[in-house]
Amino acid sequence: MPDARRFATLAVHAGEAGCPATGALDTPIYQSTTFTAASAAEMAAVYGGEQPGFMYTRYGNPTIRALEEKMAALEGGEAALATATGMAAISTAILGCVQAGDHVVAAQSLYGGAYDFIRRVLPRLGVDRTFVGMDAVADFEKAVRPNTRLIYFETPSNPVLGILDIAALARLGQARGIPTIMDNTFATPLLQRPLARGVTVVVHSATKYLCGHGDAMGGVIIGPKNYIAELNRDVLRDFGGVISPFNAWLILRGIRTLHVRMPVHCANAQKIAEFLEGHPRVERVNYPGLARHPGHELAGRQMEAFGAMMSFEVKGGYEAGRRVMDGVRIFARAASLGDTRSLIVHSASTSHAAVPRGERLAMGVSDGLVRLSIGLEAVEDLIEDLGQALAA
């Protein structure tokens, strides 16, 4: 993992290219759907991939390419592919690995959209799946079948902050010849680099910390060069989940300050988690920075810091969780994460409302669970806000 100075330089400069014609320092927004060619032969060569260049933004765009090159550099991958949303990244990456008759092993504790895609959509395409509820790598190994073609997981997981052993799952995949895909949205490449621990492919919702300002949607897939090229040619172009050049530019802008923002996010989160852990109206706090968290030691080994996401169980169940959400004054009641502003959501009635209750409880998403995305406000104000909401 690169040191902080190296990461900062990559975050600012990797993939960026100004405009030689005008001298503009910033990467231009190539807000064009199509690009001209000098001849039919050149256009055919670009279209077929024999010659570098651009012909149609659904196939590639200079602004989007800059984002892809920056993310490949930050994650330490061979290549990257930007998508319209985080879910487009997840679905595209998965569809690039499986086909009818295949089997997927996935962690049970997942972002609700990813869980629903694997649980509901893949079977309609003839792909079977097994969810693993335990954190032990041995449980993943037991779930592997002869036709298993993918192991999918995230760590820390959304929204219960479960921690999985990245290197151990990567070794399992390598030993069985099965690709591994990991969602690194919560940690970002600043705090955690799965490819360096052996994971095959990393996905991000770039809408979150990479953008950082809540004003652009996007996703990114990072992995082997040949795999990324196949995804672009055989999946993304056909399904059409292509990011706009303007959103790619906004995310490029956000990444330049990622190394400045994340330490403040993390420091605020640690203090808030400690406050909640001692509050009489809180049953449990899920934050890997707390010594009581079952994944604390493992997270300390594979993460540079513990992140800025957490969840906590309010005593009183479903309605108590909703009342806390309704009672805050500074926290925004919003379903996203990774913003400069602190956000709060009651998971059972929003992000995981579509998951059957029994499955939701098995994932650890209990009725009174409240998820927090800790922003950049003064931490004293955030603690005061949570305190008055809990008191109410």
Protein backbone atom coordinates (compact mmCIF):
# COMPACT_ATOMS: atom_id res chain seq x y z
CA MET A 1 0.00 0.00 0.00
CA PRO A 2 1.48 3.39 -0.96
CA ASP A 3 2.33 5.85 1.77
CA ALA A 4 0.13 8.91 2.30
CA ARG A 5 2.38 11.15 0.20
CA ARG A 6 2.31 8.77 -2.74
CA PHE A 7 -1.48 8.39 -2.54
CA ALA A 8 -1.97 12.16 -2.36
CA THR A 9 0.10 12.71 -5.50
CA LEU A 10 -1.80 10.00 -7.39
CA ALA A 11 -5.15 11.35 -6.20
CA VAL A 12 -4.30 14.77 -7.60
CA HIS A 13 -2.40 13.86 -10.77
CA ALA A 14 -3.08 10.28 -11.96
CA GLY A 15 -5.07 10.12 -15.18
CA GLU A 16 -5.35 13.88 -15.47
CA ALA A 17 -4.59 15.60 -18.77
CA GLY A 18 -5.16 19.26 -19.46
CA CYS A 19 -5.90 20.73 -22.85
CA PRO A 20 -2.74 21.28 -24.96
CA ALA A 21 -4.64 23.44 -27.44
CA THR A 22 -5.68 26.03 -24.84
CA GLY A 23 -3.33 25.40 -21.93
CA ALA A 24 -6.23 24.62 -19.60
CA LEU A 25 -4.85 22.87 -16.51
CA ASP A 26 -7.97 20.91 -15.63
CA THR A 27 -9.12 17.82 -17.52
CA PRO A 28 -11.73 19.07 -20.01
CA ILE A 29 -15.32 17.85 -20.00
CA TYR A 30 -15.66 16.21 -23.39
CA GLN A 31 -19.42 16.69 -23.51
CA SER A 32 -19.76 15.06 -26.90
CA THR A 33 -21.60 11.90 -27.83
CA THR A 34 -19.49 11.20 -30.90
CA PHE A 35 -16.00 11.83 -32.31
CA THR A 36 -14.92 12.28 -35.92
CA ALA A 37 -12.39 10.18 -37.80
CA ALA A 38 -10.02 11.22 -40.58
CA SER A 39 -11.03 8.28 -42.76
CA ALA A 40 -13.16 5.17 -42.95
CA ALA A 41 -10.07 3.06 -42.25
CA GLU A 42 -9.26 5.03 -39.07
CA MET A 43 -12.83 4.80 -37.84
CA ALA A 44 -12.89 1.03 -38.43
CA ALA A 45 -9.57 0.62 -36.60
CA VAL A 46 -10.78 2.61 -33.59
CA TYR A 47 -14.08 0.75 -33.57
CA GLY A 48 -12.35 -2.61 -33.68
CA GLY A 49 -9.81 -1.72 -31.01
CA GLU A 50 -6.80 -2.00 -33.29
CA GLN A 51 -6.05 1.71 -32.90
CA PRO A 52 -6.44 3.90 -29.79
CA GLY A 53 -8.98 6.67 -30.01
CA PHE A 54 -12.60 7.60 -29.45
CA MET A 55 -15.63 7.29 -31.71
CA TYR A 56 -18.74 7.22 -29.48
CA THR A 57 -19.07 7.99 -25.78
CA ARG A 58 -20.89 4.74 -25.02
CA TYR A 59 -17.67 3.03 -26.13
CA GLY A 60 -15.27 5.49 -24.46
CA ASN A 61 -14.66 9.17 -23.78
CA PRO A 62 -11.52 11.14 -22.80
CA THR A 63 -13.01 12.52 -19.58
CA ILE A 64 -14.27 9.09 -18.55
CA ARG A 65 -10.89 7.60 -19.48
CA ALA A 66 -9.17 10.04 -17.10
CA LEU A 67 -11.36 8.80 -14.23
CA GLU A 68 -10.64 5.18 -15.14
CA GLU A 69 -6.89 5.75 -15.22
CA LYS A 70 -6.96 7.55 -11.87
CA MET A 71 -8.90 4.75 -10.18
CA ALA A 72 -6.66 2.04 -11.65
CA ALA A 73 -3.67 3.90 -10.22
CA LEU A 74 -5.23 4.39 -6.76
CA GLU A 75 -6.36 0.75 -6.43
CA GLY A 76 -3.15 -0.60 -7.97
CA GLY A 77 -5.03 -2.37 -10.77
CA GLU A 78 -4.22 -2.97 -14.42
CA ALA A 79 -7.29 -1.19 -15.77
CA ALA A 80 -10.64 0.30 -14.76
CA LEU A 81 -14.08 0.80 -16.24
CA ALA A 82 -16.39 3.63 -15.13
CA THR A 83 -20.15 3.11 -15.04
CA ALA A 84 -23.26 5.22 -14.54
CA THR A 85 -23.88 4.13 -10.93
CA GLY A 86 -22.51 1.86 -8.25
CA MET A 87 -25.17 -0.73 -9.07
CA ALA A 88 -24.12 -0.59 -12.73
CA ALA A 89 -20.58 -1.39 -11.58
CA ILE A 90 -21.77 -4.30 -9.42
CA SER A 91 -24.10 -5.83 -12.02
CA THR A 92 -21.64 -5.34 -14.89
CA ALA A 93 -18.77 -6.90 -12.93
CA ILE A 94 -20.88 -9.90 -11.91
CA LEU A 95 -22.35 -10.45 -15.39
CA GLY A 96 -18.83 -10.49 -16.77
CA CYS A 97 -18.07 -13.57 -14.65
CA VAL A 98 -21.18 -15.76 -14.85
CA GLN A 99 -23.62 -17.24 -17.32
CA ALA A 100 -26.57 -19.64 -17.21
CA GLY A 101 -25.71 -22.80 -15.31
CA ASP A 102 -23.13 -21.13 -13.07
CA HIS A 103 -23.19 -20.64 -9.29
CA VAL A 104 -22.21 -17.65 -7.13
CA VAL A 105 -21.14 -17.69 -3.49
CA ALA A 106 -21.86 -14.35 -1.82
CA ALA A 107 -21.64 -12.90 1.65
CA GLN A 108 -25.08 -12.50 3.20
CA SER A 109 -24.23 -9.11 4.66
CA LEU A 110 -24.35 -6.87 1.59
CA TYR A 111 -25.68 -3.57 0.36
CA GLY A 112 -29.39 -4.09 -0.25
CA GLY A 113 -29.19 -3.45 -4.00
CA ALA A 114 -26.36 -5.95 -4.48
CA TYR A 115 -28.13 -8.53 -2.31
CA ASP A 116 -31.34 -8.14 -4.29
CA PHE A 117 -29.52 -8.42 -7.63
CA ILE A 118 -27.83 -11.66 -6.60
CA ARG A 119 -30.91 -13.07 -4.83
CA ARG A 120 -33.60 -12.10 -7.34
CA VAL A 121 -32.10 -11.21 -10.73
CA LEU A 122 -29.37 -13.83 -11.19
CA PRO A 123 -31.77 -16.82 -10.84
CA ARG A 124 -33.88 -15.34 -13.66
CA LEU A 125 -30.74 -15.56 -15.80
CA GLY A 126 -30.15 -19.19 -14.86
CA VAL A 127 -27.44 -18.45 -12.26
CA ASP A 128 -27.77 -20.12 -8.86
CA ARG A 129 -26.46 -18.50 -5.68
CA THR A 130 -25.62 -19.34 -2.09
CA PHE A 131 -25.41 -16.71 0.65
CA VAL A 132 -22.95 -17.27 3.47
CA GLY A 133 -24.10 -15.90 6.79
CA MET A 134 -20.99 -16.57 8.84
CA ASP A 135 -17.75 -14.61 8.77
CA ALA A 136 -15.46 -17.65 8.69
CA VAL A 137 -13.71 -18.38 5.40
CA ALA A 138 -14.45 -22.07 6.02
CA ASP A 139 -18.16 -21.32 5.54
CA PHE A 140 -17.45 -19.81 2.14
CA GLU A 141 -15.39 -22.86 1.24
CA LYS A 142 -18.24 -25.21 2.21
CA ALA A 143 -20.58 -23.29 -0.10
CA VAL A 144 -18.35 -23.71 -3.17
CA ARG A 145 -19.62 -26.12 -5.83
CA PRO A 146 -18.02 -27.52 -8.99
CA ASN A 147 -19.90 -24.88 -11.03
CA THR A 148 -19.06 -21.94 -8.75
CA ARG A 149 -17.70 -19.13 -10.91
CA LEU A 150 -17.63 -16.21 -8.49
CA ILE A 151 -17.13 -15.27 -4.83
CA TYR A 152 -18.66 -11.86 -4.04
CA PHE A 153 -18.35 -9.88 -0.79
CA GLU A 154 -17.85 -6.48 0.79
CA THR A 155 -15.94 -5.41 3.88
CA PRO A 156 -16.83 -3.45 5.94
CA SER A 157 -20.31 -4.57 5.00
CA ASN A 158 -23.37 -2.38 4.60
CA PRO A 159 -25.04 -1.63 6.99
CA VAL A 160 -23.84 -3.86 9.86
CA LEU A 161 -20.10 -3.21 9.37
CA GLY A 162 -19.11 -6.86 9.29
CA ILE A 163 -15.43 -7.52 8.63
CA LEU A 164 -14.23 -10.33 6.37
CA ASP A 165 -10.66 -11.54 5.89
CA ILE A 166 -9.80 -10.20 2.44
CA ALA A 167 -6.57 -12.13 1.92
CA ALA A 168 -8.10 -15.42 3.11
CA LEU A 169 -11.06 -15.14 0.75
CA ALA A 170 -8.71 -14.21 -2.08
CA ARG A 171 -6.60 -17.31 -1.36
CA LEU A 172 -9.73 -19.46 -1.38
CA GLY A 173 -10.65 -18.12 -4.80
CA GLN A 174 -7.15 -18.59 -6.15
CA ALA A 175 -6.93 -22.16 -4.83
CA ARG A 176 -10.22 -23.09 -6.51
CA GLY A 177 -9.69 -21.02 -9.66
CA ILE A 178 -12.67 -18.79 -8.82
CA PRO A 179 -12.57 -15.00 -9.33
CA THR A 180 -13.31 -12.82 -6.31
CA ILE A 181 -15.13 -9.48 -6.51
CA MET A 182 -15.10 -7.13 -3.54
CA ASP A 183 -17.01 -3.89 -2.99
CA ASN A 184 -14.59 -1.36 -1.48
CA THR A 185 -17.01 1.60 -1.30
CA PHE A 186 -16.99 2.00 2.50
CA ALA A 187 -13.21 1.97 2.85
CA THR A 188 -12.08 3.64 -0.42
CA PRO A 189 -8.60 2.89 -1.82
CA LEU A 190 -7.12 5.23 0.78
CA LEU A 191 -8.03 2.92 3.67
CA GLN A 192 -7.99 -0.48 1.99
CA ARG A 193 -6.59 -1.98 -1.24
CA PRO A 194 -8.09 -5.41 -1.92
CA LEU A 195 -6.16 -6.07 -5.14
CA ALA A 196 -2.91 -5.95 -3.18
CA ARG A 197 -4.32 -8.70 -0.94
CA GLY A 198 -5.15 -10.95 -3.86
CA VAL A 199 -8.74 -10.03 -4.78
CA THR A 200 -9.41 -10.30 -8.52
CA VAL A 201 -11.76 -7.36 -9.04
CA VAL A 202 -12.78 -4.32 -6.98
CA VAL A 203 -16.00 -2.33 -7.42
CA HIS A 204 -16.96 1.08 -6.07
CA SER A 205 -20.01 3.25 -5.90
CA ALA A 206 -18.16 6.40 -6.94
CA THR A 207 -21.28 8.33 -5.93
CA LYS A 208 -20.09 8.04 -2.34
CA TYR A 209 -16.66 8.99 -0.90
CA LEU A 210 -14.90 9.22 -4.27
CA CYS A 211 -17.23 12.01 -5.35
CA GLY A 212 -17.60 13.16 -1.77
CA HIS A 213 -20.04 16.01 -2.35
CA GLY A 214 -23.34 14.29 -3.09
CA ASP A 215 -23.68 15.79 -6.56
CA ALA A 216 -22.74 13.06 -9.06
CA MET A 217 -23.55 9.39 -9.58
CA GLY A 218 -21.07 6.84 -10.86
CA GLY A 219 -19.41 3.50 -10.35
CA VAL A 220 -15.99 2.01 -11.09
CA ILE A 221 -14.70 -1.52 -11.70
CA ILE A 222 -10.96 -2.20 -11.34
CA GLY A 223 -9.28 -5.43 -12.35
CA PRO A 224 -7.20 -7.31 -14.95
CA LYS A 225 -6.80 -5.54 -18.30
CA ASN A 226 -8.31 -8.35 -20.41
CA TYR A 227 -11.32 -8.68 -18.09
CA ILE A 228 -11.97 -4.93 -18.14
CA ALA A 229 -11.75 -4.87 -21.95
CA GLU A 230 -14.23 -7.76 -22.18
CA LEU A 231 -16.62 -6.01 -19.77
CA ASN A 232 -16.56 -2.86 -21.85
CA ARG A 233 -17.05 -4.73 -25.12
CA ASP A 234 -19.46 -7.47 -24.08
CA VAL A 235 -21.47 -6.11 -21.13
CA LEU A 236 -21.35 -2.36 -20.55
CA ARG A 237 -21.87 -1.37 -24.19
CA ASP A 238 -24.87 -3.68 -24.55
CA PHE A 239 -26.55 -2.85 -21.23
CA GLY A 240 -25.69 0.82 -21.61
CA GLY A 241 -24.85 1.75 -18.02
CA VAL A 242 -22.32 4.37 -19.14
CA ILE A 243 -21.38 7.34 -16.96
CA SER A 244 -21.82 10.84 -18.39
CA PRO A 245 -18.64 12.87 -19.04
CA PHE A 246 -19.86 15.60 -16.69
CA ASN A 247 -20.38 13.15 -13.80
CA ALA A 248 -16.97 11.62 -14.50
CA TRP A 249 -15.45 15.10 -14.26
CA LEU A 250 -17.22 15.81 -10.96
CA ILE A 251 -15.92 12.54 -9.50
CA LEU A 252 -12.41 13.32 -10.74
CA ARG A 253 -12.67 16.61 -8.86
CA GLY A 254 -13.85 14.84 -5.72
CA ILE A 255 -11.05 12.26 -5.71
CA ARG A 256 -8.43 15.01 -5.62
CA THR A 257 -9.41 15.78 -2.01
CA LEU A 258 -10.16 12.21 -0.86
CA HIS A 259 -6.93 11.99 1.16
CA VAL A 260 -7.80 15.27 2.91
CA ARG A 261 -11.43 14.44 3.66
CA MET A 262 -11.18 10.85 4.86
CA PRO A 263 -9.04 11.44 7.99
CA VAL A 264 -11.63 13.95 9.27
CA HIS A 265 -14.50 11.59 8.44
CA CYS A 266 -12.74 8.78 10.35
CA ALA A 267 -11.76 10.87 13.39
CA ASN A 268 -15.32 12.14 13.76
CA ALA A 269 -16.70 8.62 13.43
CA GLN A 270 -14.47 7.22 16.17
CA LYS A 271 -15.63 9.84 18.67
CA ILE A 272 -19.29 9.38 17.77
CA ALA A 273 -19.04 5.58 18.04
CA GLU A 274 -17.52 5.90 21.50
CA PHE A 275 -20.32 8.27 22.54
CA LEU A 276 -23.02 5.91 21.28
CA GLU A 277 -21.37 2.89 22.90
CA GLY A 278 -21.84 4.49 26.30
CA HIS A 279 -25.38 5.74 25.75
CA PRO A 280 -28.08 4.02 27.87
CA ARG A 281 -30.62 3.99 25.00
CA VAL A 282 -28.30 2.24 22.57
CA GLU A 283 -28.28 -1.55 22.56
CA ARG A 284 -25.28 -2.10 20.27
CA VAL A 285 -22.87 -0.10 18.09
CA ASN A 286 -21.45 -1.57 14.89
CA TYR A 287 -18.15 0.20 14.23
CA PRO A 288 -14.86 -1.66 13.69
CA GLY A 289 -12.91 1.05 15.50
CA LEU A 290 -14.43 -0.08 18.81
CA ALA A 291 -12.48 -2.74 20.71
CA ARG A 292 -15.70 -4.70 21.36
CA HIS A 293 -16.39 -5.08 17.64
CA PRO A 294 -15.75 -8.73 16.68
CA GLY A 295 -13.78 -7.65 13.61
CA HIS A 296 -11.73 -4.97 15.35
CA GLU A 297 -8.35 -6.73 15.22
CA LEU A 298 -8.80 -7.96 11.65
CA ALA A 299 -9.91 -4.52 10.47
CA GLY A 300 -6.87 -3.03 12.17
CA ARG A 301 -4.63 -5.34 10.13
CA GLN A 302 -6.22 -4.79 6.72
CA MET A 303 -7.41 -1.17 6.97
CA GLU A 304 -5.42 2.03 7.40
CA ALA A 305 -8.26 3.50 9.49
CA PHE A 306 -11.73 2.28 10.46
CA GLY A 307 -13.80 4.43 8.14
CA ALA A 308 -16.73 6.76 8.73
CA MET A 309 -19.71 4.41 8.46
CA MET A 310 -21.45 2.91 11.48
CA SER A 311 -24.80 1.59 12.61
CA PHE A 312 -26.39 1.21 16.00
CA GLU A 313 -29.37 -0.59 17.49
CA VAL A 314 -31.79 1.66 19.35
CA LYS A 315 -33.57 0.12 22.32
CA GLY A 316 -37.25 -0.10 21.52
CA GLY A 317 -37.10 -1.65 18.05
CA TYR A 318 -38.58 -0.47 14.77
CA GLU A 319 -40.48 2.61 15.93
CA ALA A 320 -37.66 3.72 18.24
CA GLY A 321 -35.23 3.62 15.32
CA ARG A 322 -37.58 5.73 13.21
CA ARG A 323 -38.07 8.24 16.04
CA VAL A 324 -34.31 8.77 16.35
CA MET A 325 -34.13 9.35 12.60
CA ASP A 326 -37.00 11.83 12.83
CA GLY A 327 -35.46 13.62 15.80
CA VAL A 328 -32.11 14.74 14.40
CA ARG A 329 -31.53 18.35 13.41
CA ILE A 330 -28.07 18.37 11.80
CA PHE A 331 -27.93 14.87 10.33
CA ALA A 332 -29.73 14.78 6.98
CA ARG A 333 -32.35 12.06 6.53
CA ALA A 334 -30.89 10.71 3.31
CA ALA A 335 -30.15 7.25 1.94
CA SER A 336 -26.68 7.79 0.50
CA LEU A 337 -23.29 8.00 2.22
CA GLY A 338 -19.84 9.50 1.86
CA ASP A 339 -21.06 13.10 1.70
CA THR A 340 -19.43 16.09 3.38
CA ARG A 341 -22.69 16.26 5.36
CA SER A 342 -23.66 13.66 7.95
CA LEU A 343 -26.52 11.39 6.91
CA ILE A 344 -28.87 9.10 8.82
CA VAL A 345 -31.13 6.29 7.65
CA HIS A 346 -33.34 3.68 9.31
CA SER A 347 -32.24 0.61 7.35
CA ALA A 348 -35.24 -1.67 7.95
CA SER A 349 -37.69 0.81 6.43
CA THR A 350 -35.49 2.05 3.58
CA SER A 351 -32.38 0.38 2.10
CA HIS A 352 -33.39 -3.13 3.23
CA ALA A 353 -37.17 -2.74 3.15
CA ALA A 354 -37.40 -5.02 0.08
CA VAL A 355 -35.50 -7.83 1.82
CA PRO A 356 -37.83 -10.34 3.52
CA ARG A 357 -37.76 -9.74 7.28
CA GLY A 358 -36.36 -13.17 8.12
CA GLU A 359 -33.49 -12.72 5.67
CA ARG A 360 -32.98 -9.15 6.85
CA LEU A 361 -32.66 -10.25 10.47
CA ALA A 362 -30.25 -13.02 9.44
CA MET A 363 -28.11 -10.32 7.81
CA GLY A 364 -28.01 -8.45 11.13
CA VAL A 365 -30.33 -5.67 9.93
CA SER A 366 -32.58 -5.58 12.95
CA ASP A 367 -35.76 -3.53 13.33
CA GLY A 368 -34.19 -0.71 15.31
CA LEU A 369 -30.96 -0.44 13.31
CA VAL A 370 -29.94 3.10 12.38
CA ARG A 371 -27.07 3.70 9.94
CA LEU A 372 -24.90 6.82 10.06
CA SER A 373 -22.58 8.30 7.47
CA ILE A 374 -20.38 10.69 9.41
CA GLY A 375 -19.56 13.93 7.64
CA LEU A 376 -17.17 16.82 8.13
CA GLU A 377 -19.12 18.97 10.59
CA ALA A 378 -17.81 19.75 14.06
CA VAL A 379 -17.98 16.45 15.91
CA GLU A 380 -19.28 18.14 19.09
CA ASP A 381 -22.34 19.34 17.18
CA LEU A 382 -22.97 15.87 15.75
CA ILE A 383 -22.74 14.25 19.17
CA GLU A 384 -25.10 16.85 20.65
CA ASP A 385 -27.57 16.23 17.82
CA LEU A 386 -27.59 12.46 18.34
CA GLY A 387 -27.86 12.94 22.10
CA GLN A 388 -30.97 15.08 21.87
CA ALA A 389 -32.57 12.73 19.31
CA LEU A 390 -31.98 9.73 21.58
CA ALA A 391 -33.29 11.63 24.58
CA ALA A 392 -36.47 12.48 22.71
